[in-house]
Amino acid sequence: MISAADIASKGKTTIHVADVSRESFDGTDLELFQRFIDGDESVMMDIFDRHHHQIYLYCLKMVGSKDAAEDIAQEHWLRLIRYLRKGKEITSPVSLMLTIARNLCLNYLRLSRPHTPLDEILETEHPVVVPREFSHLEELVVLSLPKLPFRQREVLILHTYCGFRFEDIALMLGEPVGTIRMRASRARAHLGRIISAIIGMEEDRERNNSQKRDEGDRG
């Protein structure tokens, strides 16, 4: 039987999964889920290895905190196990996993502090996880992503960071593909406006600092 300790011990490791987005809808997950429901709980580790990395990335980009994302991802697996033990029929495993992760992220965000005003971003917020040295533009994307509305941010994260196709995302969210594509397009445009605003503030501050330096030199 899978225990909380089993999930916790694996949940703190980084699992690199091949392009699961192309495999997740071919029936393999349905087969694994059914085997679990039928009593073979050892298959949960196979399910975990197939999807943990994407679930963790989704949580990380949605909540913006590595520690919180690890906790949410771990809770996601525990809740999934409890749900499957009820023996209910599962028609879309990936949609079920996303729904659980999505609800946990929403609960976390509701309980978290309000978003910082845009004009305070540069002084108060920094990327939580930096796996390598970011370019300035990449840093701005990380800073700006949490400012998007939840539904826009979610589509970008699922597509850009988790690697799902728009068709897959539409299936997960139960919405038309055209709606998902339009939301992604609006999200990119919104993200561009936020980044432009941050760049403008940076330039204004640099000009002000330069003027103060010039005044100090003349003084």
N, C-alpha and C. Protein backbone atom coordinates (compact mmCIF):
# COMPACT_ATOMS: atom_id res chain seq x y z
N MET A 1 0.84 -1.20 0.00
CA MET A 1 0.00 0.00 0.00
C MET A 1 0.87 1.25 0.00
N ILE A 2 0.52 2.22 -0.83
CA ILE A 2 1.27 3.48 -0.90
C ILE A 2 0.98 4.31 0.34
N SER A 3 2.02 4.84 0.97
CA SER A 3 1.85 5.64 2.18
C SER A 3 2.27 7.07 1.92
N ALA A 4 1.93 7.94 2.88
CA ALA A 4 2.34 9.34 2.79
C ALA A 4 3.86 9.45 2.77
N ALA A 5 4.53 8.57 3.51
CA ALA A 5 5.99 8.60 3.54
C ALA A 5 6.57 8.29 2.17
N ASP A 6 5.94 7.36 1.44
CA ASP A 6 6.42 7.04 0.09
C ASP A 6 6.37 8.25 -0.81
N ILE A 7 5.24 8.97 -0.77
CA ILE A 7 5.07 10.16 -1.59
C ILE A 7 6.03 11.25 -1.15
N ALA A 8 6.17 11.43 0.15
CA ALA A 8 7.05 12.48 0.66
C ALA A 8 8.49 12.23 0.25
N SER A 9 8.93 10.97 0.31
CA SER A 9 10.32 10.67 -0.01
C SER A 9 10.62 10.91 -1.48
N LYS A 10 9.65 10.67 -2.35
CA LYS A 10 9.86 10.91 -3.77
C LYS A 10 9.56 12.34 -4.16
N GLY A 11 8.66 12.99 -3.42
CA GLY A 11 8.21 14.32 -3.81
C GLY A 11 9.27 15.38 -3.70
N LYS A 12 10.32 15.14 -2.92
CA LYS A 12 11.38 16.13 -2.76
C LYS A 12 12.47 15.98 -3.79
N THR A 13 12.36 14.98 -4.67
CA THR A 13 13.36 14.80 -5.70
C THR A 13 12.87 15.36 -7.00
N THR A 14 13.79 15.70 -7.88
CA THR A 14 13.43 16.23 -9.19
C THR A 14 13.33 15.08 -10.16
N ILE A 15 12.14 14.86 -10.70
CA ILE A 15 11.92 13.79 -11.65
C ILE A 15 11.84 14.40 -13.04
N HIS A 16 12.74 14.01 -13.92
CA HIS A 16 12.72 14.51 -15.28
C HIS A 16 12.01 13.50 -16.16
N VAL A 17 10.92 13.91 -16.74
CA VAL A 17 10.08 13.01 -17.52
C VAL A 17 10.17 13.39 -18.98
N ALA A 18 10.18 12.39 -19.85
CA ALA A 18 10.16 12.66 -21.28
C ALA A 18 8.85 13.33 -21.64
N ASP A 19 8.65 13.62 -22.88
CA ASP A 19 7.49 14.40 -23.32
C ASP A 19 6.21 13.66 -23.01
N VAL A 20 5.74 13.78 -21.76
CA VAL A 20 4.55 13.07 -21.33
C VAL A 20 3.31 13.59 -22.03
N SER A 21 3.34 14.85 -22.47
CA SER A 21 2.14 15.43 -23.08
C SER A 21 1.67 14.60 -24.27
N ARG A 22 2.57 13.92 -24.96
CA ARG A 22 2.18 13.11 -26.11
C ARG A 22 1.73 11.71 -25.69
N GLU A 23 2.04 11.35 -24.45
CA GLU A 23 1.69 10.02 -23.99
C GLU A 23 0.46 10.02 -23.10
N SER A 24 0.12 11.17 -22.54
CA SER A 24 -0.85 11.21 -21.46
C SER A 24 -2.26 10.89 -21.90
N PHE A 25 -2.54 10.92 -23.19
CA PHE A 25 -3.89 10.73 -23.66
C PHE A 25 -4.02 9.46 -24.50
N ASP A 26 -3.05 8.55 -24.38
CA ASP A 26 -3.08 7.36 -25.23
C ASP A 26 -3.65 6.15 -24.52
N GLY A 27 -4.20 6.32 -23.35
CA GLY A 27 -4.80 5.21 -22.63
C GLY A 27 -3.91 4.61 -21.56
N THR A 28 -2.61 4.92 -21.59
CA THR A 28 -1.71 4.35 -20.60
C THR A 28 -2.09 4.80 -19.19
N ASP A 29 -2.38 6.08 -19.03
CA ASP A 29 -2.77 6.58 -17.72
C ASP A 29 -4.07 5.95 -17.25
N LEU A 30 -5.03 5.81 -18.16
CA LEU A 30 -6.29 5.17 -17.79
C LEU A 30 -6.05 3.74 -17.28
N GLU A 31 -5.16 3.04 -17.95
CA GLU A 31 -4.84 1.68 -17.54
C GLU A 31 -4.21 1.65 -16.16
N LEU A 32 -3.26 2.56 -15.92
CA LEU A 32 -2.60 2.62 -14.62
C LEU A 32 -3.58 3.00 -13.52
N PHE A 33 -4.43 3.99 -13.80
CA PHE A 33 -5.42 4.41 -12.80
C PHE A 33 -6.36 3.26 -12.47
N GLN A 34 -6.78 2.52 -13.49
CA GLN A 34 -7.70 1.42 -13.25
C GLN A 34 -7.04 0.32 -12.43
N ARG A 35 -5.77 0.06 -12.70
CA ARG A 35 -5.05 -0.95 -11.92
C ARG A 35 -4.98 -0.53 -10.45
N PHE A 36 -4.77 0.76 -10.21
CA PHE A 36 -4.74 1.24 -8.83
C PHE A 36 -6.10 1.03 -8.18
N ILE A 37 -7.16 1.42 -8.88
CA ILE A 37 -8.51 1.27 -8.34
C ILE A 37 -8.83 -0.20 -8.06
N ASP A 38 -8.29 -1.09 -8.90
CA ASP A 38 -8.54 -2.53 -8.73
C ASP A 38 -7.70 -3.15 -7.62
N GLY A 39 -6.84 -2.35 -6.99
CA GLY A 39 -6.10 -2.85 -5.84
C GLY A 39 -4.59 -2.90 -5.98
N ASP A 40 -4.05 -2.63 -7.17
CA ASP A 40 -2.60 -2.67 -7.36
C ASP A 40 -2.03 -1.26 -7.12
N GLU A 41 -1.86 -0.91 -5.86
CA GLU A 41 -1.45 0.45 -5.52
C GLU A 41 0.02 0.72 -5.83
N SER A 42 0.78 -0.31 -6.17
CA SER A 42 2.18 -0.11 -6.53
C SER A 42 2.32 0.72 -7.81
N VAL A 43 1.27 0.74 -8.65
CA VAL A 43 1.37 1.50 -9.90
C VAL A 43 1.38 3.00 -9.67
N MET A 44 1.06 3.44 -8.43
CA MET A 44 1.08 4.89 -8.17
C MET A 44 2.48 5.46 -8.40
N MET A 45 3.52 4.68 -8.15
CA MET A 45 4.87 5.17 -8.39
C MET A 45 5.12 5.37 -9.88
N ASP A 46 4.51 4.54 -10.72
CA ASP A 46 4.62 4.75 -12.16
C ASP A 46 3.89 6.02 -12.58
N ILE A 47 2.71 6.22 -12.02
CA ILE A 47 1.95 7.45 -12.30
C ILE A 47 2.73 8.67 -11.83
N PHE A 48 3.31 8.54 -10.63
CA PHE A 48 4.11 9.63 -10.07
C PHE A 48 5.27 9.99 -11.00
N ASP A 49 6.02 8.98 -11.44
CA ASP A 49 7.18 9.23 -12.29
C ASP A 49 6.77 9.85 -13.63
N ARG A 50 5.60 9.51 -14.13
CA ARG A 50 5.13 10.05 -15.41
C ARG A 50 4.74 11.52 -15.30
N HIS A 51 4.24 11.94 -14.13
CA HIS A 51 3.58 13.25 -14.08
C HIS A 51 4.08 14.21 -13.00
N HIS A 52 4.92 13.73 -12.09
CA HIS A 52 5.29 14.61 -10.97
C HIS A 52 6.00 15.88 -11.44
N HIS A 53 6.91 15.75 -12.38
CA HIS A 53 7.68 16.93 -12.81
C HIS A 53 6.76 18.02 -13.36
N GLN A 54 5.78 17.63 -14.17
CA GLN A 54 4.86 18.62 -14.73
C GLN A 54 3.94 19.20 -13.66
N ILE A 55 3.47 18.35 -12.74
CA ILE A 55 2.63 18.86 -11.65
C ILE A 55 3.41 19.85 -10.80
N TYR A 56 4.66 19.51 -10.50
CA TYR A 56 5.49 20.42 -9.69
C TYR A 56 5.74 21.74 -10.42
N LEU A 57 6.07 21.67 -11.71
CA LEU A 57 6.31 22.90 -12.47
C LEU A 57 5.05 23.76 -12.51
N TYR A 58 3.92 23.13 -12.72
CA TYR A 58 2.65 23.86 -12.73
C TYR A 58 2.46 24.60 -11.40
N CYS A 59 2.64 23.90 -10.28
CA CYS A 59 2.47 24.51 -8.96
C CYS A 59 3.49 25.62 -8.73
N LEU A 60 4.73 25.37 -9.14
CA LEU A 60 5.79 26.36 -8.93
C LEU A 60 5.48 27.66 -9.65
N LYS A 61 5.06 27.56 -10.91
CA LYS A 61 4.80 28.77 -11.68
C LYS A 61 3.50 29.45 -11.24
N MET A 62 2.56 28.67 -10.70
CA MET A 62 1.30 29.27 -10.26
C MET A 62 1.46 30.01 -8.93
N VAL A 63 2.24 29.47 -8.01
CA VAL A 63 2.33 30.07 -6.67
C VAL A 63 3.62 30.85 -6.47
N GLY A 64 4.66 30.59 -7.29
CA GLY A 64 5.88 31.39 -7.23
C GLY A 64 6.80 31.10 -6.07
N SER A 65 6.63 29.96 -5.41
CA SER A 65 7.48 29.62 -4.27
C SER A 65 7.87 28.15 -4.37
N LYS A 66 9.16 27.87 -4.32
CA LYS A 66 9.63 26.50 -4.42
C LYS A 66 9.12 25.65 -3.27
N ASP A 67 9.22 26.16 -2.05
CA ASP A 67 8.78 25.40 -0.88
C ASP A 67 7.29 25.13 -0.94
N ALA A 68 6.51 26.16 -1.28
CA ALA A 68 5.06 25.99 -1.37
C ALA A 68 4.70 25.01 -2.48
N ALA A 69 5.40 25.10 -3.61
CA ALA A 69 5.12 24.20 -4.73
C ALA A 69 5.40 22.75 -4.35
N GLU A 70 6.49 22.51 -3.61
CA GLU A 70 6.79 21.14 -3.17
C GLU A 70 5.70 20.62 -2.24
N ASP A 71 5.25 21.48 -1.32
CA ASP A 71 4.21 21.07 -0.38
C ASP A 71 2.90 20.79 -1.11
N ILE A 72 2.56 21.67 -2.06
CA ILE A 72 1.31 21.52 -2.80
C ILE A 72 1.36 20.26 -3.66
N ALA A 73 2.50 20.03 -4.33
CA ALA A 73 2.63 18.85 -5.17
C ALA A 73 2.51 17.57 -4.34
N GLN A 74 3.12 17.59 -3.16
CA GLN A 74 3.02 16.41 -2.29
C GLN A 74 1.58 16.20 -1.85
N GLU A 75 0.89 17.27 -1.46
CA GLU A 75 -0.51 17.16 -1.06
C GLU A 75 -1.37 16.70 -2.23
N HIS A 76 -1.01 17.14 -3.43
CA HIS A 76 -1.75 16.71 -4.63
C HIS A 76 -1.76 15.19 -4.74
N TRP A 77 -0.59 14.56 -4.55
CA TRP A 77 -0.52 13.10 -4.70
C TRP A 77 -1.28 12.39 -3.60
N LEU A 78 -1.25 12.92 -2.40
CA LEU A 78 -2.00 12.31 -1.31
C LEU A 78 -3.50 12.39 -1.57
N ARG A 79 -3.95 13.53 -2.08
CA ARG A 79 -5.38 13.69 -2.38
C ARG A 79 -5.79 12.81 -3.55
N LEU A 80 -4.89 12.67 -4.52
CA LEU A 80 -5.20 11.80 -5.65
C LEU A 80 -5.38 10.36 -5.17
N ILE A 81 -4.51 9.91 -4.29
CA ILE A 81 -4.62 8.55 -3.76
C ILE A 81 -5.94 8.37 -3.03
N ARG A 82 -6.30 9.35 -2.20
CA ARG A 82 -7.56 9.24 -1.46
C ARG A 82 -8.75 9.19 -2.41
N TYR A 83 -8.66 9.99 -3.49
CA TYR A 83 -9.75 10.01 -4.46
C TYR A 83 -9.87 8.67 -5.17
N LEU A 84 -8.75 8.12 -5.60
CA LEU A 84 -8.77 6.85 -6.34
C LEU A 84 -9.25 5.70 -5.47
N ARG A 85 -8.97 5.77 -4.18
CA ARG A 85 -9.40 4.70 -3.28
C ARG A 85 -10.92 4.65 -3.12
N LYS A 86 -11.59 5.71 -3.56
CA LYS A 86 -13.06 5.69 -3.52
C LYS A 86 -13.64 4.82 -4.61
N GLY A 87 -12.81 4.48 -5.61
CA GLY A 87 -13.24 3.58 -6.66
C GLY A 87 -14.11 4.19 -7.73
N LYS A 88 -14.12 5.50 -7.83
CA LYS A 88 -14.95 6.17 -8.84
C LYS A 88 -14.34 6.01 -10.23
N GLU A 89 -15.20 6.01 -11.23
CA GLU A 89 -14.73 5.88 -12.60
C GLU A 89 -13.95 7.13 -13.02
N ILE A 90 -12.82 6.92 -13.68
CA ILE A 90 -11.97 8.02 -14.15
C ILE A 90 -11.98 7.99 -15.67
N THR A 91 -12.35 9.12 -16.28
CA THR A 91 -12.36 9.19 -17.74
C THR A 91 -11.18 9.97 -18.29
N SER A 92 -10.62 10.89 -17.48
CA SER A 92 -9.48 11.70 -17.93
C SER A 92 -8.51 11.87 -16.77
N PRO A 93 -7.52 11.00 -16.64
CA PRO A 93 -6.57 11.08 -15.52
C PRO A 93 -5.85 12.42 -15.43
N VAL A 94 -5.40 12.94 -16.58
CA VAL A 94 -4.64 14.20 -16.54
C VAL A 94 -5.53 15.35 -16.09
N SER A 95 -6.78 15.37 -16.54
CA SER A 95 -7.72 16.41 -16.10
C SER A 95 -7.95 16.33 -14.60
N LEU A 96 -8.07 15.11 -14.08
CA LEU A 96 -8.27 14.94 -12.65
C LEU A 96 -7.06 15.46 -11.88
N MET A 97 -5.85 15.09 -12.31
CA MET A 97 -4.65 15.55 -11.61
C MET A 97 -4.52 17.06 -11.67
N LEU A 98 -4.82 17.65 -12.83
CA LEU A 98 -4.74 19.10 -12.96
C LEU A 98 -5.76 19.79 -12.07
N THR A 99 -6.97 19.24 -12.00
CA THR A 99 -8.01 19.85 -11.17
C THR A 99 -7.60 19.87 -9.71
N ILE A 100 -7.01 18.77 -9.23
CA ILE A 100 -6.57 18.72 -7.84
C ILE A 100 -5.46 19.75 -7.61
N ALA A 101 -4.46 19.79 -8.49
CA ALA A 101 -3.36 20.75 -8.35
C ALA A 101 -3.86 22.18 -8.45
N ARG A 102 -4.78 22.40 -9.37
CA ARG A 102 -5.33 23.75 -9.59
C ARG A 102 -6.05 24.25 -8.34
N ASN A 103 -6.89 23.40 -7.75
CA ASN A 103 -7.63 23.80 -6.56
C ASN A 103 -6.70 24.08 -5.38
N LEU A 104 -5.66 23.26 -5.25
CA LEU A 104 -4.70 23.49 -4.17
C LEU A 104 -3.95 24.80 -4.36
N CYS A 105 -3.58 25.11 -5.60
CA CYS A 105 -2.90 26.37 -5.88
C CYS A 105 -3.82 27.56 -5.61
N LEU A 106 -5.07 27.44 -6.02
CA LEU A 106 -6.03 28.51 -5.77
C LEU A 106 -6.21 28.74 -4.27
N ASN A 107 -6.32 27.67 -3.51
CA ASN A 107 -6.46 27.81 -2.06
C ASN A 107 -5.24 28.50 -1.46
N TYR A 108 -4.06 28.12 -1.94
CA TYR A 108 -2.84 28.75 -1.44
C TYR A 108 -2.83 30.24 -1.76
N LEU A 109 -3.18 30.58 -3.00
CA LEU A 109 -3.15 31.98 -3.40
C LEU A 109 -4.19 32.81 -2.65
N ARG A 110 -5.34 32.22 -2.35
CA ARG A 110 -6.36 32.94 -1.59
C ARG A 110 -5.88 33.27 -0.18
N LEU A 111 -5.09 32.37 0.38
CA LEU A 111 -4.60 32.56 1.75
C LEU A 111 -3.31 33.38 1.81
N SER A 112 -2.69 33.57 0.65
CA SER A 112 -1.42 34.30 0.62
C SER A 112 -1.67 35.80 0.63
N ARG A 113 -0.59 36.52 0.80
CA ARG A 113 -0.69 37.98 0.79
C ARG A 113 -1.14 38.47 -0.57
N PRO A 114 -1.76 39.65 -0.64
CA PRO A 114 -2.15 40.21 -1.93
C PRO A 114 -0.92 40.47 -2.79
N HIS A 115 -1.14 40.51 -4.11
CA HIS A 115 -0.04 40.82 -5.01
C HIS A 115 0.53 42.21 -4.72
N THR A 116 1.83 42.34 -4.82
CA THR A 116 2.49 43.62 -4.64
C THR A 116 2.15 44.55 -5.80
N PRO A 117 1.88 45.84 -5.53
CA PRO A 117 1.63 46.78 -6.63
C PRO A 117 2.77 46.78 -7.63
N LEU A 118 2.43 47.04 -8.88
CA LEU A 118 3.41 46.95 -9.96
C LEU A 118 4.60 47.86 -9.72
N ASP A 119 4.36 49.07 -9.16
CA ASP A 119 5.47 50.01 -9.00
C ASP A 119 6.43 49.61 -7.87
N GLU A 120 6.11 48.51 -7.14
CA GLU A 120 7.00 48.06 -6.09
C GLU A 120 7.72 46.76 -6.46
N ILE A 121 7.44 46.25 -7.65
CA ILE A 121 7.99 44.94 -8.03
C ILE A 121 9.50 44.91 -7.94
N LEU A 122 10.15 45.91 -8.51
CA LEU A 122 11.61 45.85 -8.66
C LEU A 122 12.32 45.83 -7.32
N GLU A 123 11.69 46.41 -6.28
CA GLU A 123 12.35 46.48 -4.99
C GLU A 123 11.98 45.34 -4.07
N THR A 124 10.82 44.72 -4.28
CA THR A 124 10.33 43.77 -3.29
C THR A 124 10.22 42.34 -3.77
N GLU A 125 10.26 42.10 -5.07
CA GLU A 125 10.06 40.73 -5.55
C GLU A 125 11.26 40.28 -6.39
N HIS A 126 11.62 39.05 -6.21
CA HIS A 126 12.74 38.47 -6.94
C HIS A 126 12.38 37.05 -7.33
N PRO A 127 12.96 36.52 -8.39
CA PRO A 127 12.67 35.14 -8.76
C PRO A 127 12.99 34.19 -7.61
N VAL A 128 12.09 33.26 -7.35
CA VAL A 128 12.27 32.35 -6.23
C VAL A 128 13.26 31.25 -6.58
N VAL A 129 13.17 30.73 -7.79
CA VAL A 129 14.04 29.64 -8.21
C VAL A 129 14.79 30.07 -9.46
N VAL A 130 16.11 30.05 -9.39
CA VAL A 130 16.93 30.42 -10.54
C VAL A 130 17.83 29.25 -10.88
N PRO A 131 17.40 28.37 -11.79
CA PRO A 131 18.19 27.19 -12.09
C PRO A 131 19.49 27.49 -12.82
N ARG A 132 19.57 28.65 -13.42
CA ARG A 132 20.79 29.08 -14.10
C ARG A 132 20.75 30.59 -14.13
N GLU A 133 21.79 31.20 -14.62
CA GLU A 133 21.82 32.66 -14.69
C GLU A 133 20.83 33.13 -15.76
N PHE A 134 19.86 33.92 -15.34
CA PHE A 134 18.84 34.40 -16.26
C PHE A 134 19.34 35.63 -17.01
N SER A 135 18.87 35.77 -18.23
CA SER A 135 19.04 37.05 -18.91
C SER A 135 18.08 38.04 -18.26
N HIS A 136 18.30 39.33 -18.52
CA HIS A 136 17.43 40.33 -17.91
C HIS A 136 15.98 40.13 -18.35
N LEU A 137 15.77 39.80 -19.61
CA LEU A 137 14.41 39.60 -20.10
C LEU A 137 13.75 38.41 -19.41
N GLU A 138 14.51 37.34 -19.20
CA GLU A 138 13.95 36.17 -18.51
C GLU A 138 13.58 36.52 -17.07
N GLU A 139 14.39 37.32 -16.43
CA GLU A 139 14.07 37.76 -15.08
C GLU A 139 12.78 38.56 -15.06
N LEU A 140 12.60 39.41 -16.06
CA LEU A 140 11.38 40.21 -16.13
C LEU A 140 10.15 39.33 -16.35
N VAL A 141 10.31 38.27 -17.14
CA VAL A 141 9.19 37.34 -17.34
C VAL A 141 8.81 36.69 -16.02
N VAL A 142 9.83 36.24 -15.26
CA VAL A 142 9.57 35.61 -13.97
C VAL A 142 8.88 36.58 -13.02
N LEU A 143 9.32 37.82 -13.02
CA LEU A 143 8.71 38.84 -12.17
C LEU A 143 7.28 39.16 -12.59
N SER A 144 7.02 39.11 -13.88
CA SER A 144 5.74 39.57 -14.41
C SER A 144 4.67 38.49 -14.42
N LEU A 145 5.07 37.24 -14.53
CA LEU A 145 4.10 36.15 -14.67
C LEU A 145 3.05 36.13 -13.56
N PRO A 146 3.41 36.33 -12.28
CA PRO A 146 2.39 36.30 -11.23
C PRO A 146 1.38 37.43 -11.33
N LYS A 147 1.66 38.46 -12.14
CA LYS A 147 0.75 39.59 -12.27
C LYS A 147 -0.39 39.32 -13.26
N LEU A 148 -0.27 38.25 -14.02
CA LEU A 148 -1.34 37.91 -14.96
C LEU A 148 -2.54 37.37 -14.22
N PRO A 149 -3.75 37.55 -14.77
CA PRO A 149 -4.92 36.88 -14.19
C PRO A 149 -4.70 35.37 -14.16
N PHE A 150 -5.29 34.72 -13.19
CA PHE A 150 -5.02 33.29 -12.96
C PHE A 150 -5.23 32.47 -14.23
N ARG A 151 -6.34 32.65 -14.94
CA ARG A 151 -6.64 31.81 -16.09
C ARG A 151 -5.66 32.04 -17.23
N GLN A 152 -5.21 33.28 -17.43
CA GLN A 152 -4.20 33.55 -18.45
C GLN A 152 -2.87 32.93 -18.06
N ARG A 153 -2.49 33.10 -16.80
CA ARG A 153 -1.22 32.55 -16.33
C ARG A 153 -1.22 31.03 -16.45
N GLU A 154 -2.34 30.43 -16.13
CA GLU A 154 -2.43 28.97 -16.16
C GLU A 154 -2.17 28.42 -17.56
N VAL A 155 -2.76 29.02 -18.58
CA VAL A 155 -2.58 28.53 -19.94
C VAL A 155 -1.13 28.67 -20.38
N LEU A 156 -0.50 29.80 -20.08
CA LEU A 156 0.90 29.98 -20.44
C LEU A 156 1.79 28.96 -19.74
N ILE A 157 1.53 28.71 -18.47
CA ILE A 157 2.34 27.76 -17.71
C ILE A 157 2.19 26.35 -18.28
N LEU A 158 0.95 25.94 -18.54
CA LEU A 158 0.72 24.59 -19.06
C LEU A 158 1.38 24.41 -20.43
N HIS A 159 1.34 25.47 -21.24
CA HIS A 159 1.89 25.35 -22.59
C HIS A 159 3.40 25.55 -22.62
N THR A 160 3.88 26.62 -21.99
CA THR A 160 5.29 27.00 -22.09
C THR A 160 6.19 26.20 -21.17
N TYR A 161 5.76 26.01 -19.92
CA TYR A 161 6.63 25.36 -18.94
C TYR A 161 6.36 23.86 -18.82
N CYS A 162 5.10 23.45 -18.94
CA CYS A 162 4.76 22.02 -18.78
C CYS A 162 4.76 21.28 -20.10
N GLY A 163 4.78 22.00 -21.21
CA GLY A 163 4.94 21.36 -22.52
C GLY A 163 3.68 20.78 -23.13
N PHE A 164 2.51 21.14 -22.60
CA PHE A 164 1.28 20.60 -23.17
C PHE A 164 0.87 21.38 -24.42
N ARG A 165 0.33 20.66 -25.39
CA ARG A 165 -0.22 21.31 -26.58
C ARG A 165 -1.54 21.98 -26.23
N PHE A 166 -1.93 22.95 -27.05
CA PHE A 166 -3.19 23.65 -26.78
C PHE A 166 -4.37 22.67 -26.83
N GLU A 167 -4.28 21.69 -27.70
CA GLU A 167 -5.35 20.68 -27.78
C GLU A 167 -5.46 19.90 -26.47
N ASP A 168 -4.30 19.58 -25.87
CA ASP A 168 -4.30 18.87 -24.59
C ASP A 168 -4.88 19.74 -23.48
N ILE A 169 -4.48 21.01 -23.47
CA ILE A 169 -4.96 21.93 -22.45
C ILE A 169 -6.47 22.10 -22.55
N ALA A 170 -6.97 22.16 -23.78
CA ALA A 170 -8.41 22.29 -23.98
C ALA A 170 -9.14 21.09 -23.38
N LEU A 171 -8.58 19.90 -23.58
CA LEU A 171 -9.18 18.70 -22.99
C LEU A 171 -9.15 18.75 -21.47
N MET A 172 -8.04 19.18 -20.92
CA MET A 172 -7.90 19.25 -19.46
C MET A 172 -8.90 20.22 -18.84
N LEU A 173 -9.05 21.38 -19.47
CA LEU A 173 -9.88 22.44 -18.91
C LEU A 173 -11.33 22.36 -19.38
N GLY A 174 -11.60 21.48 -20.34
CA GLY A 174 -12.96 21.34 -20.84
C GLY A 174 -13.45 22.56 -21.61
N GLU A 175 -12.55 23.15 -22.38
CA GLU A 175 -12.90 24.34 -23.15
C GLU A 175 -12.47 24.15 -24.60
N PRO A 176 -13.05 24.91 -25.54
CA PRO A 176 -12.66 24.80 -26.95
C PRO A 176 -11.20 25.20 -27.16
N VAL A 177 -10.57 24.57 -28.14
CA VAL A 177 -9.17 24.88 -28.44
C VAL A 177 -9.02 26.36 -28.81
N GLY A 178 -9.97 26.89 -29.57
CA GLY A 178 -9.90 28.30 -29.96
C GLY A 178 -9.89 29.22 -28.76
N THR A 179 -10.67 28.89 -27.74
CA THR A 179 -10.69 29.70 -26.52
C THR A 179 -9.34 29.68 -25.83
N ILE A 180 -8.72 28.50 -25.78
CA ILE A 180 -7.41 28.37 -25.13
C ILE A 180 -6.36 29.16 -25.90
N ARG A 181 -6.38 29.06 -27.23
CA ARG A 181 -5.41 29.81 -28.04
C ARG A 181 -5.59 31.31 -27.86
N MET A 182 -6.84 31.77 -27.83
CA MET A 182 -7.11 33.19 -27.65
C MET A 182 -6.63 33.65 -26.28
N ARG A 183 -6.86 32.84 -25.26
CA ARG A 183 -6.43 33.20 -23.91
C ARG A 183 -4.91 33.28 -23.84
N ALA A 184 -4.23 32.36 -24.51
CA ALA A 184 -2.77 32.38 -24.52
C ALA A 184 -2.26 33.63 -25.23
N SER A 185 -2.92 33.99 -26.33
CA SER A 185 -2.52 35.18 -27.07
C SER A 185 -2.70 36.44 -26.21
N ARG A 186 -3.82 36.53 -25.52
CA ARG A 186 -4.06 37.68 -24.65
C ARG A 186 -3.08 37.69 -23.48
N ALA A 187 -2.74 36.50 -23.00
CA ALA A 187 -1.79 36.42 -21.89
C ALA A 187 -0.42 36.95 -22.32
N ARG A 188 0.02 36.57 -23.52
CA ARG A 188 1.32 37.05 -24.01
C ARG A 188 1.30 38.57 -24.18
N ALA A 189 0.20 39.08 -24.72
CA ALA A 189 0.09 40.54 -24.90
C ALA A 189 0.10 41.25 -23.55
N HIS A 190 -0.64 40.69 -22.59
CA HIS A 190 -0.69 41.27 -21.24
C HIS A 190 0.70 41.22 -20.60
N LEU A 191 1.38 40.09 -20.75
CA LEU A 191 2.72 39.95 -20.20
C LEU A 191 3.66 40.98 -20.82
N GLY A 192 3.53 41.20 -22.13
CA GLY A 192 4.36 42.19 -22.80
C GLY A 192 4.14 43.59 -22.25
N ARG A 193 2.88 43.92 -21.96
CA ARG A 193 2.59 45.26 -21.41
C ARG A 193 3.19 45.42 -20.02
N ILE A 194 3.11 44.37 -19.21
CA ILE A 194 3.68 44.44 -17.86
C ILE A 194 5.19 44.62 -17.93
N ILE A 195 5.83 43.83 -18.80
CA ILE A 195 7.28 43.93 -18.94
C ILE A 195 7.68 45.31 -19.44
N SER A 196 6.93 45.85 -20.38
CA SER A 196 7.22 47.20 -20.89
C SER A 196 7.12 48.23 -19.78
N ALA A 197 6.11 48.06 -18.91
CA ALA A 197 5.95 48.99 -17.79
C ALA A 197 7.14 48.91 -16.83
N ILE A 198 7.60 47.68 -16.57
CA ILE A 198 8.75 47.52 -15.67
C ILE A 198 10.00 48.14 -16.28
N ILE A 199 10.20 47.89 -17.58
CA ILE A 199 11.36 48.48 -18.26
C ILE A 199 11.29 50.00 -18.19
N GLY A 200 10.09 50.55 -18.38
CA GLY A 200 9.92 52.01 -18.29
C GLY A 200 10.28 52.54 -16.92
N MET A 201 9.86 51.81 -15.87
CA MET A 201 10.20 52.23 -14.51
C MET A 201 11.70 52.15 -14.26
N GLU A 202 12.32 51.11 -14.81
CA GLU A 202 13.77 50.99 -14.65
C GLU A 202 14.48 52.17 -15.29
N GLU A 203 14.04 52.52 -16.50
CA GLU A 203 14.66 53.63 -17.22
C GLU A 203 14.45 54.94 -16.48
N ASP A 204 13.24 55.14 -15.92
CA ASP A 204 12.97 56.37 -15.16
C ASP A 204 13.87 56.44 -13.93
N ARG A 205 14.03 55.33 -13.25
CA ARG A 205 14.86 55.33 -12.05
C ARG A 205 16.32 55.57 -12.40
N GLU A 206 16.76 55.01 -13.52
CA GLU A 206 18.14 55.23 -13.93
C GLU A 206 18.36 56.70 -14.28
N ARG A 207 17.39 57.31 -14.96
CA ARG A 207 17.51 58.74 -15.28
C ARG A 207 17.55 59.57 -14.01
N ASN A 208 16.67 59.23 -13.05
CA ASN A 208 16.64 59.99 -11.79
C ASN A 208 17.95 59.83 -11.03
N ASN A 209 18.46 58.60 -11.01
CA ASN A 209 19.73 58.38 -10.31
C ASN A 209 20.87 59.12 -11.00
N SER A 210 20.81 59.15 -12.34
CA SER A 210 21.85 59.85 -13.08
C SER A 210 21.79 61.34 -12.80
N GLN A 211 20.59 61.90 -12.74
CA GLN A 211 20.44 63.33 -12.45
C GLN A 211 20.95 63.65 -11.05
N LYS A 212 20.67 62.74 -10.09
CA LYS A 212 21.13 62.98 -8.72
C LYS A 212 22.65 62.93 -8.66
N ARG A 213 23.24 62.01 -9.42
CA ARG A 213 24.70 61.93 -9.44
C ARG A 213 25.30 63.20 -10.04
N ASP A 214 24.66 63.68 -11.13
CA ASP A 214 25.16 64.90 -11.77
C ASP A 214 25.04 66.09 -10.82
N GLU A 215 23.93 66.17 -10.10
CA GLU A 215 23.73 67.27 -9.16
C GLU A 215 24.75 67.19 -8.02
N GLY A 216 25.05 65.95 -7.60
CA GLY A 216 26.04 65.78 -6.53
C GLY A 216 27.42 66.19 -6.99
N ASP A 217 27.75 65.88 -8.25
CA ASP A 217 29.06 66.27 -8.77
C ASP A 217 29.18 67.77 -8.86
N ARG A 218 28.08 68.43 -9.27
CA ARG A 218 28.14 69.89 -9.38
C ARG A 218 28.18 70.56 -8.02
N GLY A 219 27.57 69.87 -7.01
CA GLY A 219 27.56 70.43 -5.67
C GLY A 219 28.91 70.32 -5.02
